[in-house]
PDB file of all heavy atoms in Angstrom:
ATOM      1  N   CYS A   1      -0.241   1.540   6.228  1.00  0.00           N
ATOM      2  CA  CYS A   1       0.516   0.847   5.186  1.00  0.00           C
ATOM      3  C   CYS A   1       1.662   1.747   4.733  1.00  0.00           C
ATOM      4  O   CYS A   1       1.441   2.938   4.432  1.00  0.00           O
ATOM      5  CB  CYS A   1      -0.372   0.504   3.994  1.00  0.00           C
ATOM      6  SG  CYS A   1      -1.725  -0.625   4.385  1.00  0.00           S
ATOM      7  N   ALA A   2       2.839   1.182   4.646  1.00  0.00           N
ATOM      8  CA  ALA A   2       4.016   1.981   4.302  1.00  0.00           C
ATOM      9  C   ALA A   2       4.921   1.197   3.374  1.00  0.00           C
ATOM     10  O   ALA A   2       4.953  -0.039   3.390  1.00  0.00           O
ATOM     11  CB  ALA A   2       4.778   2.389   5.563  1.00  0.00           C
ATOM     12  N   GLY A   3       5.650   1.942   2.554  1.00  0.00           N
ATOM     13  CA  GLY A   3       6.679   1.342   1.714  1.00  0.00           C
ATOM     14  C   GLY A   3       7.960   1.157   2.486  1.00  0.00           C
ATOM     15  O   GLY A   3       8.241   1.891   3.444  1.00  0.00           O
ATOM     16  N   GLY A   4       8.754   0.184   2.082  1.00  0.00           N
ATOM     17  CA  GLY A   4       9.955  -0.141   2.834  1.00  0.00           C
ATOM     18  C   GLY A   4      11.165   0.687   2.471  1.00  0.00           C
ATOM     19  O   GLY A   4      11.734   1.383   3.316  1.00  0.00           O
ATOM     20  N   ARG A   5      11.541   0.682   1.162  1.00  0.00           N
ATOM     21  CA  ARG A   5      12.830   1.284   0.832  1.00  0.00           C
ATOM     22  C   ARG A   5      12.807   2.152  -0.419  1.00  0.00           C
ATOM     23  O   ARG A   5      13.857   2.648  -0.818  1.00  0.00           O
ATOM     24  CB  ARG A   5      13.874   0.182   0.650  1.00  0.00           C
ATOM     25  CG  ARG A   5      14.005  -0.731   1.820  1.00  0.00           C
ATOM     26  CD  ARG A   5      15.148  -1.711   1.660  1.00  0.00           C
ATOM     27  NE  ARG A   5      16.447  -1.076   1.723  1.00  0.00           N
ATOM     28  CZ  ARG A   5      17.611  -1.732   1.744  1.00  0.00           C
ATOM     29  NH1 ARG A   5      17.593  -3.058   1.692  1.00  0.00           N
ATOM     30  NH2 ARG A   5      18.744  -1.098   1.806  1.00  0.00           N
ATOM     31  N   GLY A   6      11.672   2.307  -1.104  1.00  0.00           N
ATOM     32  CA  GLY A   6      11.676   3.094  -2.327  1.00  0.00           C
ATOM     33  C   GLY A   6      10.273   3.431  -2.802  1.00  0.00           C
ATOM     34  O   GLY A   6       9.270   3.043  -2.193  1.00  0.00           O
ATOM     35  N   GLU A   7      10.230   4.162  -3.927  1.00  0.00           N
ATOM     36  CA  GLU A   7       8.950   4.597  -4.480  1.00  0.00           C
ATOM     37  C   GLU A   7       8.088   3.428  -4.929  1.00  0.00           C
ATOM     38  O   GLU A   7       6.852   3.464  -4.831  1.00  0.00           O
ATOM     39  CB  GLU A   7       9.174   5.552  -5.650  1.00  0.00           C
ATOM     40  CG  GLU A   7       9.803   6.887  -5.281  1.00  0.00           C
ATOM     41  CD  GLU A   7      11.317   6.825  -5.289  1.00  0.00           C
ATOM     42  OE1 GLU A   7      11.865   5.691  -5.407  1.00  0.00           O
ATOM     43  OE2 GLU A   7      11.965   7.885  -5.190  1.00  0.00           O
ATOM     44  N   LEU A   8       8.717   2.389  -5.472  1.00  0.00           N
ATOM     45  CA  LEU A   8       7.950   1.223  -5.902  1.00  0.00           C
ATOM     46  C   LEU A   8       7.302   0.523  -4.717  1.00  0.00           C
ATOM     47  O   LEU A   8       6.167   0.015  -4.815  1.00  0.00           O
ATOM     48  CB  LEU A   8       8.851   0.250  -6.670  1.00  0.00           C
ATOM     49  CG  LEU A   8       9.464   0.777  -7.972  1.00  0.00           C
ATOM     50  CD1 LEU A   8      10.348  -0.283  -8.606  1.00  0.00           C
ATOM     51  CD2 LEU A   8       8.366   1.196  -8.948  1.00  0.00           C
ATOM     52  N   ASP A   9       7.996   0.500  -3.563  1.00  0.00           N
ATOM     53  CA  ASP A   9       7.387  -0.058  -2.353  1.00  0.00           C
ATOM     54  C   ASP A   9       6.193   0.778  -1.910  1.00  0.00           C
ATOM     55  O   ASP A   9       5.190   0.234  -1.423  1.00  0.00           O
ATOM     56  CB  ASP A   9       8.430  -0.120  -1.236  1.00  0.00           C
ATOM     57  CG  ASP A   9       9.542  -1.113  -1.535  1.00  0.00           C
ATOM     58  OD1 ASP A   9       9.278  -2.070  -2.281  1.00  0.00           O
ATOM     59  OD2 ASP A   9      10.661  -0.922  -1.033  1.00  0.00           O
ATOM     60  N   ASP A  10       6.278   2.102  -2.097  1.00  0.00           N
ATOM     61  CA  ASP A  10       5.141   2.956  -1.752  1.00  0.00           C
ATOM     62  C   ASP A  10       3.925   2.633  -2.621  1.00  0.00           C
ATOM     63  O   ASP A  10       2.786   2.634  -2.142  1.00  0.00           O
ATOM     64  CB  ASP A  10       5.525   4.427  -1.933  1.00  0.00           C
ATOM     65  CG  ASP A  10       6.496   4.892  -0.862  1.00  0.00           C
ATOM     66  OD1 ASP A  10       6.654   4.185   0.143  1.00  0.00           O
ATOM     67  OD2 ASP A  10       7.103   5.970  -1.042  1.00  0.00           O
ATOM     68  N   ALA A  11       4.162   2.377  -3.913  1.00  0.00           N
ATOM     69  CA  ALA A  11       3.057   2.034  -4.801  1.00  0.00           C
ATOM     70  C   ALA A  11       2.403   0.722  -4.377  1.00  0.00           C
ATOM     71  O   ALA A  11       1.164   0.590  -4.371  1.00  0.00           O
ATOM     72  CB  ALA A  11       3.549   1.949  -6.242  1.00  0.00           C
ATOM     73  N   ALA A  12       3.216  -0.272  -4.007  1.00  0.00           N
ATOM     74  CA  ALA A  12       2.657  -1.539  -3.534  1.00  0.00           C
ATOM     75  C   ALA A  12       1.870  -1.337  -2.241  1.00  0.00           C
ATOM     76  O   ALA A  12       0.809  -1.953  -2.036  1.00  0.00           O
ATOM     77  CB  ALA A  12       3.780  -2.552  -3.326  1.00  0.00           C
ATOM     78  N   ALA A  13       2.359  -0.458  -1.353  1.00  0.00           N
ATOM     79  CA  ALA A  13       1.641  -0.179  -0.115  1.00  0.00           C
ATOM     80  C   ALA A  13       0.302   0.499  -0.394  1.00  0.00           C
ATOM     81  O   ALA A  13      -0.696   0.235   0.293  1.00  0.00           O
ATOM     82  CB  ALA A  13       2.500   0.696   0.795  1.00  0.00           C
ATOM     83  N   ALA A  14       0.251   1.370  -1.411  1.00  0.00           N
ATOM     84  CA  ALA A  14      -1.021   2.014  -1.773  1.00  0.00           C
ATOM     85  C   ALA A  14      -2.035   0.986  -2.270  1.00  0.00           C
ATOM     86  O   ALA A  14      -3.237   1.100  -1.986  1.00  0.00           O
ATOM     87  CB  ALA A  14      -0.768   3.078  -2.839  1.00  0.00           C
ATOM     88  N   MET A  15      -1.576  -0.019  -3.002  1.00  0.00           N
ATOM     89  CA  MET A  15      -2.483  -1.068  -3.465  1.00  0.00           C
ATOM     90  C   MET A  15      -3.032  -1.871  -2.287  1.00  0.00           C
ATOM     91  O   MET A  15      -4.239  -2.171  -2.222  1.00  0.00           O
ATOM     92  CB  MET A  15      -1.748  -1.988  -4.441  1.00  0.00           C
ATOM     93  CG  MET A  15      -1.293  -1.287  -5.713  1.00  0.00           C
ATOM     94  SD  MET A  15      -0.288  -2.355  -6.778  1.00  0.00           S
ATOM     95  CE  MET A  15       0.157  -1.208  -8.082  1.00  0.00           C
ATOM     96  N   LEU A  16      -2.151  -2.214  -1.344  1.00  0.00           N
ATOM     97  CA  LEU A  16      -2.608  -2.940  -0.154  1.00  0.00           C
ATOM     98  C   LEU A  16      -3.590  -2.096   0.645  1.00  0.00           C
ATOM     99  O   LEU A  16      -4.601  -2.613   1.152  1.00  0.00           O
ATOM    100  CB  LEU A  16      -1.398  -3.323   0.697  1.00  0.00           C
ATOM    101  CG  LEU A  16      -1.695  -3.966   2.060  1.00  0.00           C
ATOM    102  CD1 LEU A  16      -2.472  -5.254   1.890  1.00  0.00           C
ATOM    103  CD2 LEU A  16      -0.403  -4.211   2.828  1.00  0.00           C
ATOM    104  N   ALA A  17      -3.332  -0.802   0.750  1.00  0.00           N
ATOM    105  CA  ALA A  17      -4.227   0.075   1.504  1.00  0.00           C
ATOM    106  C   ALA A  17      -5.616   0.106   0.886  1.00  0.00           C
ATOM    107  O   ALA A  17      -6.628   0.106   1.599  1.00  0.00           O
ATOM    108  CB  ALA A  17      -3.628   1.484   1.566  1.00  0.00           C
ATOM    109  N   GLN A  18      -5.688   0.120  -0.443  1.00  0.00           N
ATOM    110  CA  GLN A  18      -6.998   0.159  -1.096  1.00  0.00           C
ATOM    111  C   GLN A  18      -7.781  -1.130  -0.855  1.00  0.00           C
ATOM    112  O   GLN A  18      -9.000  -1.101  -0.657  1.00  0.00           O
ATOM    113  CB  GLN A  18      -6.821   0.406  -2.589  1.00  0.00           C
ATOM    114  CG  GLN A  18      -8.094   0.796  -3.306  1.00  0.00           C
ATOM    115  CD  GLN A  18      -7.831   1.232  -4.721  1.00  0.00           C
ATOM    116  OE1 GLN A  18      -7.478   0.411  -5.572  1.00  0.00           O
ATOM    117  NE2 GLN A  18      -8.017   2.513  -4.991  1.00  0.00           N
ATOM    118  N   VAL A  19      -7.094  -2.263  -0.863  1.00  0.00           N
ATOM    119  CA  VAL A  19      -7.773  -3.537  -0.589  1.00  0.00           C
ATOM    120  C   VAL A  19      -8.282  -3.566   0.853  1.00  0.00           C
ATOM    121  O   VAL A  19      -9.395  -4.040   1.131  1.00  0.00           O
ATOM    122  CB  VAL A  19      -6.824  -4.716  -0.861  1.00  0.00           C
ATOM    123  CG1 VAL A  19      -7.472  -6.036  -0.454  1.00  0.00           C
ATOM    124  CG2 VAL A  19      -6.443  -4.759  -2.334  1.00  0.00           C
ATOM    125  N   LEU A  20      -7.483  -3.048   1.792  1.00  0.00           N
ATOM    126  CA  LEU A  20      -7.925  -3.015   3.186  1.00  0.00           C
ATOM    127  C   LEU A  20      -9.122  -2.092   3.364  1.00  0.00           C
ATOM    128  O   LEU A  20     -10.016  -2.367   4.182  1.00  0.00           O
ATOM    129  CB  LEU A  20      -6.761  -2.557   4.074  1.00  0.00           C
ATOM    130  CG  LEU A  20      -5.585  -3.540   4.185  1.00  0.00           C
ATOM    131  CD1 LEU A  20      -4.440  -2.903   4.961  1.00  0.00           C
ATOM    132  CD2 LEU A  20      -6.018  -4.838   4.842  1.00  0.00           C
ATOM    133  N   GLU A  21      -9.176  -0.997   2.599  1.00  0.00           N
ATOM    134  CA  GLU A  21     -10.337  -0.109   2.666  1.00  0.00           C
ATOM    135  C   GLU A  21     -11.588  -0.813   2.154  1.00  0.00           C
ATOM    136  O   GLU A  21     -12.695  -0.596   2.672  1.00  0.00           O
ATOM    137  CB  GLU A  21     -10.065   1.154   1.859  1.00  0.00           C
ATOM    138  CG  GLU A  21      -9.060   2.090   2.514  1.00  0.00           C
ATOM    139  CD  GLU A  21      -8.771   3.293   1.636  1.00  0.00           C
ATOM    140  OE1 GLU A  21      -9.157   3.263   0.439  1.00  0.00           O
ATOM    141  OE2 GLU A  21      -8.147   4.255   2.113  1.00  0.00           O
ATOM    142  N   VAL A  22     -11.438  -1.644   1.131  1.00  0.00           N
ATOM    143  CA  VAL A  22     -12.578  -2.406   0.635  1.00  0.00           C
ATOM    144  C   VAL A  22     -13.118  -3.326   1.724  1.00  0.00           C
ATOM    145  O   VAL A  22     -14.337  -3.528   1.847  1.00  0.00           O
ATOM    146  CB  VAL A  22     -12.175  -3.214  -0.619  1.00  0.00           C
ATOM    147  CG1 VAL A  22     -13.267  -4.187  -1.024  1.00  0.00           C
ATOM    148  CG2 VAL A  22     -11.859  -2.278  -1.774  1.00  0.00           C
ATOM    149  N   GLN A  23     -12.222  -3.849   2.558  1.00  0.00           N
ATOM    150  CA  GLN A  23     -12.647  -4.738   3.644  1.00  0.00           C
ATOM    151  C   GLN A  23     -13.222  -3.990   4.843  1.00  0.00           C
ATOM    152  O   GLN A  23     -13.630  -4.626   5.814  1.00  0.00           O
ATOM    153  CB  GLN A  23     -11.465  -5.598   4.101  1.00  0.00           C
ATOM    154  CG  GLN A  23     -10.959  -6.566   3.024  1.00  0.00           C
ATOM    155  CD  GLN A  23     -12.053  -7.470   2.507  1.00  0.00           C
ATOM    156  OE1 GLN A  23     -12.423  -7.386   1.350  1.00  0.00           O
ATOM    157  NE2 GLN A  23     -12.588  -8.321   3.370  1.00  0.00           N
ATOM    158  N   GLY A  24     -13.219  -2.644   4.777  1.00  0.00           N
ATOM    159  CA  GLY A  24     -13.858  -1.875   5.841  1.00  0.00           C
ATOM    160  C   GLY A  24     -12.929  -1.312   6.882  1.00  0.00           C
ATOM    161  O   GLY A  24     -13.392  -0.710   7.862  1.00  0.00           O
TER     162      GLY A  24
END
């Protein structure tokens, strides 16, 4: 999971990564 163009995109990518970890 990666952010596209800025720090806020990185934060959104971290949230997606945590949800994917919950799914295994």
